[in-house]
Amino acid sequence: MTSLGKVLDAVVIGAGQAGLAAAYYLQQRQASYVVLDERPAVGHVWATRYASLRLFSPAWASGLPGLPWPGKRLRYPTKDEAADYLRQYAEHFHLAIETDQRVTNVQPTTTGEFEVHTAAGNCYHTRRVIVCTGPYSTPSIPPFATNLPPTVRQLHSSGYNEPSQVPGNPVAVVGSGNSALQIAADLATHGHTVYVAFDEKTPAMPNNTAMWVGLLSTGLLEAPTQSWLGRFMRRQPEPVVRADLRRLQRMPTVQFIGRAMAATAEGGLVGRGITTPTLAAVVWATGYRPNYSWLHLPAALSPTGEPRHSKGISPVPGLAFLGLDWLSSRRSALMGGAGADACYVVQQLLEST
């Protein structure tokens, strides 16, 4: 174990968009800090995703504080452009980032500070901790997936990069989000027969400049989480891009089966009124669940393991969260919303602890 000496003003855990925005505001306030990330490079999460992935918000609505996106502002950046932008952001502001540092333990000290331990054997002493690992820590797969025989290849969307990973026909994509639609289209355009287990109640909406101008000008993206409008919006299913859904529905080798409810021992999926034939593979685009097993601060989490916070500020003095859906508003889940949340959290932490 290597103890790294002086007590820092803050340790930021995670070098995604939320972590970089937090580092920017800590640096603006001349606080001593370090950003720890388990990946080998900034932007690595984006760089290793499937080739067809794009941001769901345009470049002009996706910038981090202090550095707009380069290039055409109306485009929807690719996953490689997103990775490049995050790397350029970190380099432009000379942010203090240490990669290959997977945090294994955050615990309080007897003096009211924190120790942050990593798998590399380092120990950081800090007055504050900002957790920016987001809600996408651990892939979530339905329990009935275990009913599928071993002859059916299964992978989560987090591990999907290209169609060659999915052998044979037919295949299924399970999920009711934009990633499910994109992956299904990717597979279908590369010769696969695809069954899509997609909840037909999922709303679809346009994704164009007019929509984004409308969302911003009406204040819908800024609706506070605890306002009546925010509470109403949170109860609604997350919408998908209408054009992507319609494109997939028109593909001749794609069949929608409704929400997946079970799997058969023969290797099929049971949808609403239809059971697929034996599948060669299933891609589970079924989301994630949080994993804060390394955060040894009991008051920080609810009984179900969710972060306790108010606009990111934890009841544990000196602790905060960023990068969570609906942290303060609908915009919190977007790259372009990271800056406002980080500004608030950093200000509150530095002024109150």
Protein backbone atom coordinates (compact mmCIF):
# COMPACT_ATOMS: atom_id res chain seq x y z
CA MET A 1 0.00 0.00 0.00
CA THR A 2 1.38 3.38 -1.08
CA SER A 3 0.14 6.39 0.87
CA LEU A 4 0.37 9.49 -1.28
CA GLY A 5 1.12 12.03 1.40
CA LYS A 6 -0.77 15.29 1.61
CA VAL A 7 -4.48 15.60 2.21
CA LEU A 8 -6.26 16.66 -0.99
CA ASP A 9 -9.23 18.99 -1.15
CA ALA A 10 -11.09 16.43 -3.29
CA VAL A 11 -10.83 13.06 -4.98
CA VAL A 12 -13.06 12.60 -8.02
CA ILE A 13 -13.89 8.99 -8.89
CA GLY A 14 -14.54 8.53 -12.60
CA ALA A 15 -13.19 10.46 -15.61
CA GLY A 16 -16.31 10.53 -17.75
CA GLN A 17 -18.13 13.74 -18.58
CA ALA A 18 -19.27 14.29 -14.97
CA GLY A 19 -15.81 13.69 -13.53
CA LEU A 20 -14.17 16.01 -16.05
CA ALA A 21 -16.70 18.76 -15.35
CA ALA A 22 -16.08 18.38 -11.61
CA ALA A 23 -12.33 18.60 -12.19
CA TYR A 24 -12.81 21.76 -14.27
CA TYR A 25 -14.64 23.55 -11.46
CA LEU A 26 -12.26 22.30 -8.77
CA GLN A 27 -9.38 23.65 -10.85
CA GLN A 28 -11.18 26.96 -11.37
CA ARG A 29 -11.35 27.30 -7.58
CA GLN A 30 -7.67 26.32 -7.22
CA ALA A 31 -8.55 23.27 -5.12
CA SER A 32 -6.09 20.40 -4.86
CA TYR A 33 -7.64 17.30 -6.42
CA VAL A 34 -7.11 14.17 -8.46
CA VAL A 35 -9.45 12.28 -10.78
CA LEU A 36 -9.17 8.49 -10.55
CA ASP A 37 -10.39 6.26 -13.37
CA GLU A 38 -10.17 2.50 -13.79
CA ARG A 39 -9.82 2.71 -17.58
CA PRO A 40 -6.49 3.01 -19.42
CA ALA A 41 -7.39 6.37 -20.99
CA VAL A 42 -9.94 9.18 -20.85
CA GLY A 43 -12.75 8.44 -23.30
CA HIS A 44 -12.06 4.70 -23.27
CA VAL A 45 -15.67 3.81 -22.45
CA TRP A 46 -16.86 5.59 -25.59
CA ALA A 47 -14.00 4.33 -27.76
CA THR A 48 -14.80 0.69 -27.03
CA ARG A 49 -18.57 0.80 -27.72
CA TYR A 50 -20.25 -0.44 -30.90
CA ALA A 51 -19.35 1.33 -34.12
CA SER A 52 -22.81 2.74 -34.92
CA LEU A 53 -23.27 4.45 -31.54
CA ARG A 54 -23.92 8.18 -31.60
CA LEU A 55 -24.83 10.75 -29.00
CA PHE A 56 -28.57 11.30 -28.73
CA SER A 57 -28.05 15.05 -28.37
CA PRO A 58 -26.47 17.37 -30.97
CA ALA A 59 -22.97 18.75 -30.51
CA TRP A 60 -24.23 22.25 -29.68
CA ALA A 61 -26.22 20.85 -26.72
CA SER A 62 -23.52 18.46 -25.51
CA GLY A 63 -20.55 20.61 -24.56
CA LEU A 64 -18.72 20.58 -21.23
CA PRO A 65 -17.90 23.87 -19.44
CA GLY A 66 -15.27 26.02 -21.08
CA LEU A 67 -14.81 24.09 -24.34
CA PRO A 68 -17.47 23.78 -27.08
CA TRP A 69 -17.44 20.82 -29.42
CA PRO A 70 -15.25 21.32 -32.49
CA GLY A 71 -16.72 20.95 -35.98
CA LYS A 72 -20.31 21.24 -37.13
CA ARG A 73 -22.53 22.08 -34.20
CA LEU A 74 -25.73 20.53 -35.61
CA ARG A 75 -24.32 17.01 -36.02
CA TYR A 76 -24.90 14.09 -33.66
CA PRO A 77 -21.35 13.05 -32.75
CA THR A 78 -20.17 9.47 -33.20
CA LYS A 79 -18.83 7.44 -30.30
CA ASP A 80 -15.26 8.02 -31.55
CA GLU A 81 -15.84 11.77 -31.70
CA ALA A 82 -17.16 11.62 -28.13
CA ALA A 83 -14.03 9.78 -26.99
CA ASP A 84 -11.82 12.31 -28.77
CA TYR A 85 -13.71 15.26 -27.29
CA LEU A 86 -13.31 13.99 -23.73
CA ARG A 87 -9.58 13.36 -24.29
CA GLN A 88 -9.14 16.82 -25.80
CA TYR A 89 -11.05 18.37 -22.91
CA ALA A 90 -8.79 16.75 -20.31
CA GLU A 91 -5.68 17.79 -22.23
CA HIS A 92 -6.88 21.33 -22.94
CA PHE A 93 -7.33 22.12 -19.25
CA HIS A 94 -4.42 19.95 -18.06
CA LEU A 95 -6.72 18.16 -15.64
CA ALA A 96 -5.09 16.04 -12.93
CA ILE A 97 -6.17 12.54 -13.96
CA GLU A 98 -4.70 9.18 -13.01
CA THR A 99 -5.84 6.24 -15.15
CA ASP A 100 -5.67 2.51 -14.37
CA GLN A 101 -6.78 3.34 -10.83
CA ARG A 102 -9.79 1.23 -9.92
CA VAL A 103 -11.18 2.35 -6.58
CA THR A 104 -11.75 -0.57 -4.22
CA ASN A 105 -12.54 1.18 -0.95
CA VAL A 106 -13.67 4.59 0.27
CA GLN A 107 -13.76 4.81 4.05
CA PRO A 108 -13.86 7.53 6.70
CA THR A 109 -10.87 8.37 8.86
CA THR A 110 -10.87 9.15 12.56
CA THR A 111 -10.16 12.80 11.71
CA GLY A 112 -13.32 13.29 9.62
CA GLU A 113 -11.66 12.89 6.24
CA PHE A 114 -11.62 10.02 3.74
CA GLU A 115 -9.21 7.37 2.56
CA VAL A 116 -9.58 6.25 -1.05
CA HIS A 117 -7.87 2.96 -1.86
CA THR A 118 -7.23 1.59 -5.36
CA ALA A 119 -6.46 -1.85 -6.76
CA ALA A 120 -3.02 -0.54 -7.76
CA GLY A 121 -2.17 -0.23 -4.05
CA ASN A 122 -2.45 3.54 -3.71
CA CYS A 123 -4.13 5.33 -0.82
CA TYR A 124 -5.35 8.92 -1.23
CA HIS A 125 -6.28 11.11 1.73
CA THR A 126 -8.92 13.71 1.00
CA ARG A 127 -11.40 16.08 2.63
CA ARG A 128 -14.05 15.42 -0.02
CA VAL A 129 -15.06 12.67 -2.43
CA ILE A 130 -17.11 13.21 -5.60
CA VAL A 131 -18.42 9.94 -7.02
CA CYS A 132 -18.81 10.19 -10.80
CA THR A 133 -19.09 6.53 -11.76
CA GLY A 134 -22.66 7.04 -12.96
CA PRO A 135 -25.59 4.62 -12.94
CA TYR A 136 -24.04 2.27 -15.50
CA SER A 137 -21.73 0.20 -13.34
CA THR A 138 -23.00 -3.36 -13.65
CA PRO A 139 -24.92 -4.86 -16.60
CA SER A 140 -28.47 -5.89 -15.71
CA ILE A 141 -29.85 -9.04 -17.35
CA PRO A 142 -33.29 -10.56 -16.63
CA PRO A 143 -33.21 -13.63 -14.36
CA PHE A 144 -34.94 -15.77 -16.99
CA ALA A 145 -31.82 -15.53 -19.17
CA THR A 146 -30.45 -18.49 -17.20
CA ASN A 147 -33.14 -20.68 -18.80
CA LEU A 148 -31.44 -20.42 -22.19
CA PRO A 149 -29.21 -23.38 -23.07
CA PRO A 150 -25.44 -22.89 -23.43
CA THR A 151 -25.76 -23.23 -27.20
CA VAL A 152 -27.26 -19.72 -27.28
CA ARG A 153 -24.52 -17.11 -27.13
CA GLN A 154 -25.45 -14.31 -24.75
CA LEU A 155 -23.85 -10.91 -24.34
CA HIS A 156 -24.83 -7.61 -22.81
CA SER A 157 -24.89 -4.48 -24.95
CA SER A 158 -21.95 -3.12 -22.93
CA GLY A 159 -19.81 -5.85 -24.50
CA TYR A 160 -21.21 -5.52 -28.02
CA ASN A 161 -18.89 -3.91 -30.57
CA GLU A 162 -19.71 -5.32 -34.00
CA PRO A 163 -21.98 -7.88 -35.71
CA SER A 164 -19.18 -10.44 -36.06
CA GLN A 165 -19.49 -11.06 -32.30
CA VAL A 166 -22.96 -12.49 -32.87
CA PRO A 167 -22.73 -15.76 -34.85
CA GLY A 168 -25.46 -17.53 -36.74
CA ASN A 169 -29.17 -16.95 -37.25
CA PRO A 170 -31.65 -16.05 -35.98
CA VAL A 171 -30.64 -13.67 -33.19
CA ALA A 172 -32.57 -11.54 -30.71
CA VAL A 173 -32.03 -8.11 -29.22
CA VAL A 174 -33.84 -7.47 -25.95
CA GLY A 175 -34.45 -3.94 -24.72
CA SER A 176 -36.69 -0.91 -25.12
CA GLY A 177 -34.10 1.84 -25.42
CA ASN A 178 -32.18 3.54 -28.19
CA SER A 179 -29.22 1.18 -27.85
CA ALA A 180 -31.46 -1.81 -28.55
CA LEU A 181 -32.73 -0.20 -31.75
CA GLN A 182 -29.25 0.72 -32.93
CA ILE A 183 -27.80 -2.73 -32.23
CA ALA A 184 -30.73 -4.49 -33.90
CA ALA A 185 -30.32 -2.32 -37.00
CA ASP A 186 -26.59 -2.99 -37.00
CA LEU A 187 -27.18 -6.75 -36.95
CA ALA A 188 -29.96 -6.64 -39.56
CA THR A 189 -27.87 -4.66 -42.04
CA HIS A 190 -25.11 -7.25 -41.72
CA GLY A 191 -27.19 -10.24 -42.74
CA HIS A 192 -28.85 -11.33 -39.50
CA THR A 193 -32.46 -12.28 -38.99
CA VAL A 194 -33.36 -10.33 -35.87
CA TYR A 195 -36.15 -10.71 -33.34
CA VAL A 196 -36.56 -7.53 -31.32
CA ALA A 197 -38.07 -7.86 -27.85
CA PHE A 198 -39.23 -4.26 -27.45
CA ASP A 199 -42.01 -2.99 -25.21
CA GLU A 200 -44.65 -1.60 -27.57
CA LYS A 201 -45.67 0.98 -24.94
CA THR A 202 -42.32 2.75 -25.25
CA PRO A 203 -42.89 6.31 -26.56
CA ALA A 204 -41.03 7.57 -29.61
CA MET A 205 -40.17 11.16 -30.41
CA PRO A 206 -38.29 13.09 -33.09
CA ASN A 207 -34.63 13.89 -32.59
CA ASN A 208 -33.82 17.03 -34.53
CA THR A 209 -32.75 20.62 -34.02
CA ALA A 210 -36.32 21.88 -33.63
CA MET A 211 -37.00 19.37 -30.86
CA TRP A 212 -33.86 20.31 -28.93
CA VAL A 213 -34.56 24.03 -29.30
CA GLY A 214 -38.08 23.35 -28.04
CA LEU A 215 -36.90 21.31 -25.06
CA LEU A 216 -34.45 24.00 -24.02
CA SER A 217 -36.66 27.03 -24.71
CA THR A 218 -39.65 25.59 -22.83
CA GLY A 219 -37.54 24.59 -19.85
CA LEU A 220 -38.54 20.92 -20.00
CA LEU A 221 -34.92 19.79 -19.76
CA GLU A 222 -34.41 22.03 -16.75
CA ALA A 223 -37.49 20.92 -14.82
CA PRO A 224 -36.26 20.22 -11.27
CA THR A 225 -36.37 16.59 -10.22
CA GLN A 226 -38.72 17.26 -7.30
CA SER A 227 -41.07 19.64 -9.15
CA TRP A 228 -44.51 18.36 -10.19
CA LEU A 229 -43.35 18.35 -13.82
CA GLY A 230 -40.13 16.55 -12.95
CA ARG A 231 -41.99 13.90 -10.96
CA PHE A 232 -44.44 13.42 -13.83
CA MET A 233 -41.65 13.07 -16.41
CA ARG A 234 -39.78 10.56 -14.26
CA ARG A 235 -42.82 8.29 -14.23
CA GLN A 236 -42.88 8.11 -18.02
CA PRO A 237 -40.89 5.52 -20.00
CA GLU A 238 -37.71 6.84 -21.57
CA PRO A 239 -38.53 7.68 -25.22
CA VAL A 240 -36.64 6.37 -28.23
CA VAL A 241 -35.77 8.12 -31.48
CA ARG A 242 -38.79 7.80 -33.78
CA ALA A 243 -36.76 7.67 -36.99
CA ASP A 244 -34.64 4.79 -35.67
CA LEU A 245 -37.74 2.85 -34.61
CA ARG A 246 -39.48 3.33 -37.97
CA ARG A 247 -36.34 2.39 -39.89
CA LEU A 248 -36.07 -0.86 -37.95
CA GLN A 249 -39.77 -1.65 -38.41
CA ARG A 250 -39.31 -1.40 -42.19
CA MET A 251 -36.42 -3.88 -42.35
CA PRO A 252 -37.56 -7.18 -43.91
CA THR A 253 -35.36 -9.38 -41.69
CA VAL A 254 -36.60 -7.82 -38.44
CA GLN A 255 -39.60 -8.97 -36.40
CA PHE A 256 -40.86 -7.30 -33.23
CA ILE A 257 -42.17 -9.68 -30.56
CA GLY A 258 -43.15 -7.26 -27.81
CA ARG A 259 -41.70 -7.34 -24.34
CA ALA A 260 -39.68 -10.47 -23.53
CA MET A 261 -41.30 -12.32 -20.64
CA ALA A 262 -39.49 -15.66 -20.52
CA ALA A 263 -36.93 -17.90 -22.18
CA THR A 264 -37.39 -21.53 -23.20
CA ALA A 265 -35.09 -24.47 -22.61
CA GLU A 266 -35.05 -24.93 -26.38
CA GLY A 267 -33.36 -21.56 -26.79
CA GLY A 268 -36.22 -19.25 -27.68
CA LEU A 269 -37.68 -16.08 -26.16
CA VAL A 270 -41.32 -15.69 -25.22
CA GLY A 271 -42.80 -12.35 -26.22
CA ARG A 272 -46.38 -11.10 -26.26
CA GLY A 273 -48.24 -13.74 -28.24
CA ILE A 274 -45.16 -15.10 -29.99
CA THR A 275 -42.26 -17.38 -29.16
CA THR A 276 -39.15 -17.19 -31.29
CA PRO A 277 -37.54 -20.26 -32.81
CA THR A 278 -34.28 -21.49 -31.33
CA LEU A 279 -31.85 -18.58 -31.32
CA ALA A 280 -28.16 -18.53 -32.13
CA ALA A 281 -27.53 -15.51 -29.90
CA VAL A 282 -29.16 -12.90 -27.68
CA VAL A 283 -27.94 -9.36 -27.06
CA TRP A 284 -29.30 -7.99 -23.79
CA ALA A 285 -29.71 -4.20 -24.13
CA THR A 286 -31.47 -4.22 -20.78
CA GLY A 287 -29.63 -1.51 -18.92
CA TYR A 288 -27.51 -1.46 -15.80
CA ARG A 289 -27.73 -1.45 -12.05
CA PRO A 290 -25.52 0.59 -9.72
CA ASN A 291 -22.65 -1.00 -7.82
CA TYR A 292 -21.24 0.92 -4.89
CA SER A 293 -19.86 -2.08 -3.00
CA TRP A 294 -16.57 -0.20 -2.60
CA LEU A 295 -18.23 2.78 -0.90
CA HIS A 296 -17.94 1.89 2.79
CA LEU A 297 -20.06 4.77 4.04
CA PRO A 298 -23.37 3.20 5.12
CA ALA A 299 -25.29 6.46 5.41
CA ALA A 300 -24.48 7.24 1.76
CA LEU A 301 -26.73 4.53 0.32
CA SER A 302 -30.36 3.50 0.65
CA PRO A 303 -31.31 -0.06 1.67
CA THR A 304 -31.53 -0.90 -2.06
CA GLY A 305 -28.03 0.43 -2.71
CA GLU A 306 -29.05 3.70 -4.37
CA PRO A 307 -27.19 6.93 -3.55
CA ARG A 308 -28.85 9.18 -1.00
CA HIS A 309 -28.51 12.78 -2.10
CA SER A 310 -30.15 16.13 -2.69
CA LYS A 311 -29.04 17.53 -6.06
CA GLY A 312 -25.90 15.43 -5.70
CA ILE A 313 -25.02 16.38 -2.12
CA SER A 314 -24.90 13.37 0.21
CA PRO A 315 -26.00 13.43 3.86
CA VAL A 316 -22.45 12.23 4.55
CA PRO A 317 -20.42 15.45 5.00
CA GLY A 318 -17.86 15.86 2.25
CA LEU A 319 -19.43 13.31 -0.11
CA ALA A 320 -21.27 14.03 -3.36
CA PHE A 321 -22.51 12.25 -6.47
CA LEU A 322 -22.55 13.38 -10.11
CA GLY A 323 -23.60 11.83 -13.41
CA LEU A 324 -26.83 10.25 -12.15
CA ASP A 325 -30.10 10.33 -14.07
CA TRP A 326 -32.33 13.07 -12.71
CA LEU A 327 -29.64 14.26 -10.29
CA SER A 328 -31.16 17.73 -10.44
CA SER A 329 -33.21 17.70 -13.67
CA ARG A 330 -33.87 15.76 -16.88
CA ARG A 331 -30.73 17.30 -18.35
CA SER A 332 -28.53 15.62 -15.74
CA ALA A 333 -28.44 12.45 -17.83
CA LEU A 334 -27.01 14.28 -20.87
CA MET A 335 -23.42 15.23 -21.55
CA GLY A 336 -24.52 18.84 -21.87
CA GLY A 337 -26.02 18.77 -18.38
CA ALA A 338 -22.86 17.69 -16.58
CA GLY A 339 -21.49 21.21 -16.25
CA ALA A 340 -24.37 22.79 -14.34
CA ASP A 341 -24.57 19.91 -11.88
CA ALA A 342 -20.80 19.90 -11.34
CA CYS A 343 -20.73 23.66 -10.75
CA TYR A 344 -23.39 23.37 -8.04
CA VAL A 345 -21.86 20.33 -6.34
CA VAL A 346 -18.32 21.70 -6.26
CA GLN A 347 -19.50 25.04 -4.89
CA GLN A 348 -21.58 23.37 -2.17
CA LEU A 349 -18.80 20.99 -1.15
CA LEU A 350 -16.04 23.59 -0.99
CA GLU A 351 -18.15 26.09 0.91
CA SER A 352 -19.72 23.70 3.41
CA THR A 353 -16.92 21.27 4.32
